[in-house]
Amino acid sequence: MDRLLIHLTEFLALGALGLAMIPASAAGGAAASPEFTTTSTEHVNYATAKSFDEVTAGLEKQLGKFDPTIYQASARHKPDPTKIEAQSRATEGTSGLMIFAKYEHGGLLALRGKKAAATQYVIGNPLVALEMTQVDIRAGEYAPLRLLVYTGEDGKTHVDYDLPSSVFGRFQSQAIDAVAKGLDEKLERLVKNALQ
């Protein structure tokens, strides 16, 4: 686990330093052209008669809050993996996940005169993400995860997300698949607990 944390702190330290991307044309003179791949993603939807506020409160009480200062300090000093892991675990919440960001799409729709209850949560766990990104850095495209809570036209509260195992499945890695299946279970427990 110490090696895992060293990789995590190194990875996050690079992000904290704000590394700039080098244009492809500078590397070889040729312009980059996109490569397209088609993958299949399973989508999960829960619908409940519980109110929007009850569901969001039920989710949030199980989620910790991401603290970027834990990782920013490691960019300036030699990281102490044991300390960083302990600090990160302390912010997880009972679900083993934490909120990285929260976006109120309902407030955005109000700009167009529409009334809606819709909140997107960006959730995850840096230590879990590290387990995947150390195998294939491209897994960072999907970590952290997205979850949307909204009131549908049917009057019910909905919780929507893409199943992590299907999203991360495109990397065709047994190690990443194992972690992603663990995320499937964490999300299922998180939502079911919120809907009880």
Protein backbone atom coordinates (compact mmCIF):
# COMPACT_ATOMS: atom_id res chain seq x y z
CA MET A 1 0.00 0.00 0.00
CA ASP A 2 2.93 2.35 0.66
CA ARG A 3 3.98 2.03 -2.98
CA LEU A 4 0.41 2.77 -4.02
CA LEU A 5 0.39 5.96 -1.95
CA ILE A 6 3.75 7.08 -3.30
CA HIS A 7 2.32 6.77 -6.83
CA LEU A 8 -0.81 8.67 -5.73
CA THR A 9 1.15 11.55 -4.27
CA GLU A 10 3.43 11.74 -7.30
CA PHE A 11 0.41 11.70 -9.64
CA LEU A 12 -1.45 14.37 -7.69
CA ALA A 13 1.68 16.45 -7.23
CA LEU A 14 2.05 16.70 -11.01
CA GLY A 15 -1.53 17.93 -11.26
CA ALA A 16 -0.95 20.44 -8.46
CA LEU A 17 2.05 21.83 -10.30
CA GLY A 18 -0.21 22.55 -13.27
CA LEU A 19 1.82 20.89 -16.00
CA ALA A 20 1.02 22.31 -19.42
CA MET A 21 0.23 20.09 -22.37
CA ILE A 22 2.67 20.12 -25.28
CA PRO A 23 0.97 20.49 -28.68
CA ALA A 24 1.40 17.43 -30.89
CA SER A 25 2.74 19.63 -33.68
CA ALA A 26 5.69 20.61 -31.48
CA ALA A 27 6.61 16.98 -30.91
CA GLY A 28 6.91 15.83 -34.49
CA GLY A 29 5.64 18.51 -36.81
CA ALA A 30 2.51 16.58 -37.79
CA ALA A 31 -0.91 17.62 -36.55
CA ALA A 32 -2.66 15.08 -34.35
CA SER A 33 -5.71 13.37 -35.76
CA PRO A 34 -8.37 11.78 -33.55
CA GLU A 35 -8.90 8.07 -33.20
CA PHE A 36 -12.49 6.99 -32.59
CA THR A 37 -13.51 3.93 -30.59
CA THR A 38 -17.03 2.69 -29.89
CA THR A 39 -17.72 1.20 -26.48
CA SER A 40 -20.84 0.12 -24.65
CA THR A 41 -21.80 1.61 -21.28
CA GLU A 42 -24.51 0.36 -18.95
CA HIS A 43 -26.62 3.07 -17.37
CA VAL A 44 -28.28 2.74 -13.95
CA ASN A 45 -31.48 4.55 -12.96
CA TYR A 46 -33.24 4.38 -9.61
CA ALA A 47 -36.67 6.02 -9.23
CA THR A 48 -38.32 6.69 -5.88
CA ALA A 49 -41.32 8.44 -4.35
CA LYS A 50 -38.97 10.00 -1.77
CA SER A 51 -38.47 13.73 -2.19
CA PHE A 52 -35.46 15.22 -3.95
CA ASP A 53 -34.28 16.78 -0.67
CA GLU A 54 -34.58 13.47 1.20
CA VAL A 55 -32.57 11.62 -1.43
CA THR A 56 -29.79 14.23 -1.68
CA ALA A 57 -29.56 14.42 2.12
CA GLY A 58 -29.41 10.60 2.28
CA LEU A 59 -26.54 10.55 -0.22
CA GLU A 60 -24.59 13.41 1.32
CA LYS A 61 -24.64 11.99 4.84
CA GLN A 62 -22.75 8.93 3.52
CA LEU A 63 -20.21 10.88 1.46
CA GLY A 64 -17.06 12.51 2.75
CA LYS A 65 -15.59 15.66 1.23
CA PHE A 66 -12.42 15.69 -0.87
CA ASP A 67 -9.67 17.81 0.68
CA PRO A 68 -7.17 18.88 -2.00
CA THR A 69 -4.76 20.29 0.61
CA ILE A 70 -3.85 16.73 1.61
CA TYR A 71 -2.27 16.22 -1.81
CA GLN A 72 -1.08 19.77 -2.49
CA ALA A 73 1.30 19.55 0.46
CA SER A 74 2.94 16.49 -1.11
CA ALA A 75 3.84 18.57 -4.16
CA ARG A 76 5.98 20.89 -2.02
CA HIS A 77 7.48 18.35 0.38
CA LYS A 78 8.61 14.76 0.32
CA PRO A 79 5.34 12.83 0.73
CA ASP A 80 4.71 10.61 3.73
CA PRO A 81 2.52 7.86 2.18
CA THR A 82 1.25 6.54 5.53
CA LYS A 83 0.18 10.01 6.66
CA ILE A 84 -1.46 10.84 3.32
CA GLU A 85 -3.37 7.55 3.28
CA ALA A 86 -4.61 8.11 6.85
CA GLN A 87 -5.69 11.68 6.05
CA SER A 88 -7.44 10.56 2.88
CA ARG A 89 -9.23 7.68 4.62
CA ALA A 90 -10.46 10.13 7.26
CA THR A 91 -12.31 12.10 4.55
CA GLU A 92 -14.02 9.12 2.87
CA GLY A 93 -17.38 9.03 4.61
CA THR A 94 -19.21 5.81 5.46
CA SER A 95 -19.56 4.92 1.77
CA GLY A 96 -15.81 4.93 1.14
CA LEU A 97 -16.43 7.78 -1.31
CA MET A 98 -16.25 11.55 -1.16
CA ILE A 99 -17.67 14.57 -2.96
CA PHE A 100 -15.20 16.33 -5.24
CA ALA A 101 -17.77 18.80 -6.59
CA LYS A 102 -21.49 19.45 -6.68
CA TYR A 103 -23.29 21.23 -9.54
CA GLU A 104 -26.81 22.57 -9.28
CA HIS A 105 -28.27 22.13 -12.76
CA GLY A 106 -31.67 23.22 -11.47
CA GLY A 107 -30.28 26.68 -10.78
CA LEU A 108 -28.80 26.78 -14.27
CA LEU A 109 -32.15 25.97 -15.86
CA ALA A 110 -33.68 28.89 -13.95
CA LEU A 111 -31.77 31.13 -16.37
CA ARG A 112 -34.20 29.89 -19.04
CA GLY A 113 -37.26 30.28 -16.83
CA LYS A 114 -37.52 26.57 -16.05
CA LYS A 115 -38.00 25.17 -12.58
CA ALA A 116 -36.18 21.93 -11.91
CA ALA A 117 -34.48 20.03 -9.10
CA ALA A 118 -31.28 18.51 -10.46
CA THR A 119 -27.88 18.10 -8.80
CA GLN A 120 -24.82 16.45 -10.28
CA TYR A 121 -22.32 14.96 -7.84
CA VAL A 122 -18.71 14.33 -8.79
CA ILE A 123 -17.70 11.56 -6.39
CA GLY A 124 -14.88 9.11 -5.90
CA ASN A 125 -11.82 8.32 -3.84
CA PRO A 126 -8.25 9.26 -4.86
CA LEU A 127 -6.85 6.06 -3.36
CA VAL A 128 -9.28 3.96 -5.43
CA ALA A 129 -8.51 6.01 -8.55
CA LEU A 130 -4.81 5.39 -7.98
CA GLU A 131 -5.37 1.64 -8.03
CA MET A 132 -6.58 2.02 -11.61
CA THR A 133 -4.41 4.86 -12.94
CA GLN A 134 -1.20 3.12 -11.89
CA VAL A 135 -2.26 0.29 -14.22
CA ASP A 136 -3.45 2.56 -17.06
CA ILE A 137 -3.30 6.35 -16.74
CA ARG A 138 -6.26 6.68 -19.14
CA ALA A 139 -8.55 5.50 -16.34
CA GLY A 140 -8.19 9.05 -15.01
CA GLU A 141 -10.65 10.14 -17.70
CA TYR A 142 -13.48 8.56 -15.72
CA ALA A 143 -12.30 9.07 -12.15
CA PRO A 144 -13.94 10.61 -10.26
CA LEU A 145 -17.43 9.38 -11.17
CA ARG A 146 -20.63 11.34 -11.95
CA LEU A 147 -24.02 10.82 -10.36
CA LEU A 148 -27.15 12.87 -11.14
CA VAL A 149 -30.16 13.30 -8.84
CA TYR A 150 -33.20 14.94 -10.40
CA THR A 151 -36.97 15.15 -10.31
CA GLY A 152 -38.34 13.51 -13.45
CA GLU A 153 -41.44 14.31 -15.47
CA ASP A 154 -43.09 11.40 -13.66
CA GLY A 155 -42.82 13.38 -10.39
CA LYS A 156 -40.39 10.86 -8.91
CA THR A 157 -36.84 11.48 -7.75
CA HIS A 158 -34.29 9.73 -9.96
CA VAL A 159 -30.67 8.80 -9.32
CA ASP A 160 -28.67 8.14 -12.50
CA TYR A 161 -25.10 7.01 -13.13
CA ASP A 162 -23.05 4.96 -15.55
CA LEU A 163 -22.02 1.59 -14.16
CA PRO A 164 -18.28 1.91 -13.38
CA SER A 165 -17.43 -1.64 -14.50
CA SER A 166 -18.87 -0.92 -17.94
CA VAL A 167 -17.14 2.48 -18.21
CA PHE A 168 -13.71 1.26 -17.11
CA GLY A 169 -14.18 -2.02 -19.03
CA ARG A 170 -12.84 -0.41 -22.17
CA PHE A 171 -9.29 -0.74 -20.80
CA GLN A 172 -9.55 -4.55 -20.86
CA SER A 173 -7.54 -4.95 -17.68
CA GLN A 174 -8.34 -7.52 -15.00
CA ALA A 175 -6.82 -5.27 -12.32
CA ILE A 176 -8.93 -2.27 -13.36
CA ASP A 177 -12.03 -4.47 -13.74
CA ALA A 178 -11.67 -5.70 -10.15
CA VAL A 179 -11.50 -2.14 -8.79
CA ALA A 180 -14.39 -1.00 -11.01
CA LYS A 181 -16.61 -3.85 -9.78
CA GLY A 182 -15.87 -2.69 -6.25
CA LEU A 183 -17.08 0.78 -7.31
CA ASP A 184 -20.27 -0.79 -8.71
CA GLU A 185 -20.94 -2.21 -5.25
CA LYS A 186 -20.10 1.06 -3.45
CA LEU A 187 -22.48 3.05 -5.65
CA GLU A 188 -25.26 0.50 -5.31
CA ARG A 189 -24.96 0.57 -1.48
CA LEU A 190 -24.75 4.38 -1.47
CA VAL A 191 -27.95 4.80 -3.48
CA LYS A 192 -29.92 2.02 -1.80
CA ASN A 193 -29.07 3.42 1.65
CA ALA A 194 -30.19 6.88 0.54
CA LEU A 195 -33.50 5.49 -0.74
CA GLN A 196 -34.38 3.52 2.42
